[in-house]
Amino acid sequence: MSDAKLDEYRRSIDNIDAALIFMLAERFKVTQAVGRYKATAGLPPADPGREADQIARLRKLAQSAHLDPDFSEKFLRFVIDEVIRHHERVRDTA
């Protein structure tokens, strides 16, 4: 079954998904550098104050973008938790 309009929407979704993956890859390259820096500087892997500030900032951005702030917080929390796991791994192998 072929539906030209649906196919067009799906191509757009596929492009957006690809952009998200590449943006996450870039973000993790930077956070990995942060993790190495924290390990050599003796800083803790997590920074609860920074995390709270980021979540508050991104909740506001989500609202202005008409995106559910709760969803955006859950997504960001998932990303932050993964970053912290990476930072702990770097610290533990340093």
C-alpha atoms as a PDB file:
ATOM      1  CA  MET A   1       0.000   0.000   0.000  1.00  0.00           C
ATOM      2  CA  SER A   2       1.463   3.344  -1.027  1.00  0.00           C
ATOM      3  CA  ASP A   3       0.294   6.715   0.169  1.00  0.00           C
ATOM      4  CA  ALA A   4       2.307   9.654  -1.196  1.00  0.00           C
ATOM      5  CA  LYS A   5       1.425  12.022   1.658  1.00  0.00           C
ATOM      6  CA  LEU A   6       2.240   9.442   4.307  1.00  0.00           C
ATOM      7  CA  ASP A   7       5.523   8.647   2.549  1.00  0.00           C
ATOM      8  CA  GLU A   8       6.389  12.349   2.545  1.00  0.00           C
ATOM      9  CA  TYR A   9       5.703  12.612   6.283  1.00  0.00           C
ATOM     10  CA  ARG A  10       7.786   9.518   6.932  1.00  0.00           C
ATOM     11  CA  ARG A  11      10.722  10.870   4.939  1.00  0.00           C
ATOM     12  CA  SER A  12      10.606  14.012   7.054  1.00  0.00           C
ATOM     13  CA  ILE A  13      10.476  11.942  10.239  1.00  0.00           C
ATOM     14  CA  ASP A  14      13.433   9.874   9.032  1.00  0.00           C
ATOM     15  CA  ASN A  15      15.435  13.059   8.380  1.00  0.00           C
ATOM     16  CA  ILE A  16      14.594  14.436  11.804  1.00  0.00           C
ATOM     17  CA  ASP A  17      15.539  11.133  13.453  1.00  0.00           C
ATOM     18  CA  ALA A  18      18.886  11.181  11.649  1.00  0.00           C
ATOM     19  CA  ALA A  19      19.516  14.760  12.793  1.00  0.00           C
ATOM     20  CA  LEU A  20      18.684  13.784  16.388  1.00  0.00           C
ATOM     21  CA  ILE A  21      21.163  10.902  16.279  1.00  0.00           C
ATOM     22  CA  PHE A  22      23.936  13.094  14.915  1.00  0.00           C
ATOM     23  CA  MET A  23      23.195  15.800  17.494  1.00  0.00           C
ATOM     24  CA  LEU A  24      23.297  13.240  20.313  1.00  0.00           C
ATOM     25  CA  ALA A  25      26.589  11.909  18.961  1.00  0.00           C
ATOM     26  CA  GLU A  26      28.063  15.421  19.022  1.00  0.00           C
ATOM     27  CA  ARG A  27      26.716  16.020  22.510  1.00  0.00           C
ATOM     28  CA  PHE A  28      28.284  12.813  23.778  1.00  0.00           C
ATOM     29  CA  LYS A  29      31.645  13.693  22.199  1.00  0.00           C
ATOM     30  CA  VAL A  30      31.661  16.869  24.262  1.00  0.00           C
ATOM     31  CA  THR A  31      30.409  15.216  27.439  1.00  0.00           C
ATOM     32  CA  GLN A  32      33.091  12.536  27.098  1.00  0.00           C
ATOM     33  CA  ALA A  33      35.704  15.307  27.017  1.00  0.00           C
ATOM     34  CA  VAL A  34      34.049  16.786  30.113  1.00  0.00           C
ATOM     35  CA  GLY A  35      34.249  13.379  31.804  1.00  0.00           C
ATOM     36  CA  ARG A  36      37.971  13.101  31.062  1.00  0.00           C
ATOM     37  CA  TYR A  37      38.526  16.617  32.368  1.00  0.00           C
ATOM     38  CA  LYS A  38      36.557  15.912  35.545  1.00  0.00           C
ATOM     39  CA  ALA A  39      38.532  12.708  36.135  1.00  0.00           C
ATOM     40  CA  THR A  40      41.904  14.453  35.811  1.00  0.00           C
ATOM     41  CA  ALA A  41      40.738  17.434  37.912  1.00  0.00           C
ATOM     42  CA  GLY A  42      39.318  15.202  40.636  1.00  0.00           C
ATOM     43  CA  LEU A  43      35.798  16.519  40.148  1.00  0.00           C
ATOM     44  CA  PRO A  44      32.731  14.355  40.812  1.00  0.00           C
ATOM     45  CA  PRO A  45      30.991  12.728  37.827  1.00  0.00           C
ATOM     46  CA  ALA A  46      27.642  14.315  38.700  1.00  0.00           C
ATOM     47  CA  ASP A  47      26.796  17.963  39.294  1.00  0.00           C
ATOM     48  CA  PRO A  48      23.271  18.053  40.750  1.00  0.00           C
ATOM     49  CA  GLY A  49      23.118  21.869  40.678  1.00  0.00           C
ATOM     50  CA  ARG A  50      24.015  22.023  36.993  1.00  0.00           C
ATOM     51  CA  GLU A  51      21.561  19.220  36.239  1.00  0.00           C
ATOM     52  CA  ALA A  52      18.716  21.050  38.017  1.00  0.00           C
ATOM     53  CA  ASP A  53      19.543  24.277  36.180  1.00  0.00           C
ATOM     54  CA  GLN A  54      19.605  22.476  32.816  1.00  0.00           C
ATOM     55  CA  ILE A  55      16.327  20.703  33.470  1.00  0.00           C
ATOM     56  CA  ALA A  56      14.635  23.973  34.460  1.00  0.00           C
ATOM     57  CA  ARG A  57      16.068  25.758  31.413  1.00  0.00           C
ATOM     58  CA  LEU A  58      15.035  23.010  29.017  1.00  0.00           C
ATOM     59  CA  ARG A  59      11.553  22.718  30.526  1.00  0.00           C
ATOM     60  CA  LYS A  60      11.066  26.408  29.699  1.00  0.00           C
ATOM     61  CA  LEU A  61      12.390  25.834  26.180  1.00  0.00           C
ATOM     62  CA  ALA A  62      10.015  22.900  25.777  1.00  0.00           C
ATOM     63  CA  GLN A  63       7.067  25.044  26.806  1.00  0.00           C
ATOM     64  CA  SER A  64       8.000  27.736  24.296  1.00  0.00           C
ATOM     65  CA  ALA A  65       8.342  25.039  21.613  1.00  0.00           C
ATOM     66  CA  HIS A  66       4.930  23.576  22.537  1.00  0.00           C
ATOM     67  CA  LEU A  67       6.538  20.325  23.671  1.00  0.00           C
ATOM     68  CA  ASP A  68       5.411  18.603  26.848  1.00  0.00           C
ATOM     69  CA  PRO A  69       7.901  19.745  29.541  1.00  0.00           C
ATOM     70  CA  ASP A  70       7.472  16.460  31.429  1.00  0.00           C
ATOM     71  CA  PHE A  71       8.467  14.526  28.321  1.00  0.00           C
ATOM     72  CA  SER A  72      11.458  16.791  27.732  1.00  0.00           C
ATOM     73  CA  GLU A  73      12.570  16.354  31.346  1.00  0.00           C
ATOM     74  CA  LYS A  74      12.317  12.566  31.106  1.00  0.00           C
ATOM     75  CA  PHE A  75      14.346  12.626  27.896  1.00  0.00           C
ATOM     76  CA  LEU A  76      16.979  14.941  29.370  1.00  0.00           C
ATOM     77  CA  ARG A  77      17.134  12.903  32.575  1.00  0.00           C
ATOM     78  CA  PHE A  78      17.818   9.785  30.494  1.00  0.00           C
ATOM     79  CA  VAL A  79      20.638  11.584  28.656  1.00  0.00           C
ATOM     80  CA  ILE A  80      22.104  13.041  31.867  1.00  0.00           C
ATOM     81  CA  ASP A  81      22.049   9.648  33.586  1.00  0.00           C
ATOM     82  CA  GLU A  82      23.915   8.117  30.650  1.00  0.00           C
ATOM     83  CA  VAL A  83      26.487  10.929  30.728  1.00  0.00           C
ATOM     84  CA  ILE A  84      27.031  10.371  34.458  1.00  0.00           C
ATOM     85  CA  ARG A  85      27.555   6.648  33.833  1.00  0.00           C
ATOM     86  CA  HIS A  86      30.210   7.540  31.244  1.00  0.00           C
ATOM     87  CA  HIS A  87      31.873   9.961  33.662  1.00  0.00           C
ATOM     88  CA  GLU A  88      31.917   7.322  36.407  1.00  0.00           C
ATOM     89  CA  ARG A  89      33.458   4.825  33.998  1.00  0.00           C
ATOM     90  CA  VAL A  90      36.183   7.306  33.035  1.00  0.00           C
ATOM     91  CA  ARG A  91      36.841   8.137  36.689  1.00  0.00           C
ATOM     92  CA  ASP A  92      37.042   4.476  37.652  1.00  0.00           C
ATOM     93  CA  THR A  93      39.532   3.656  34.887  1.00  0.00           C
ATOM     94  CA  ALA A  94      41.735   6.718  35.488  1.00  0.00           C
END
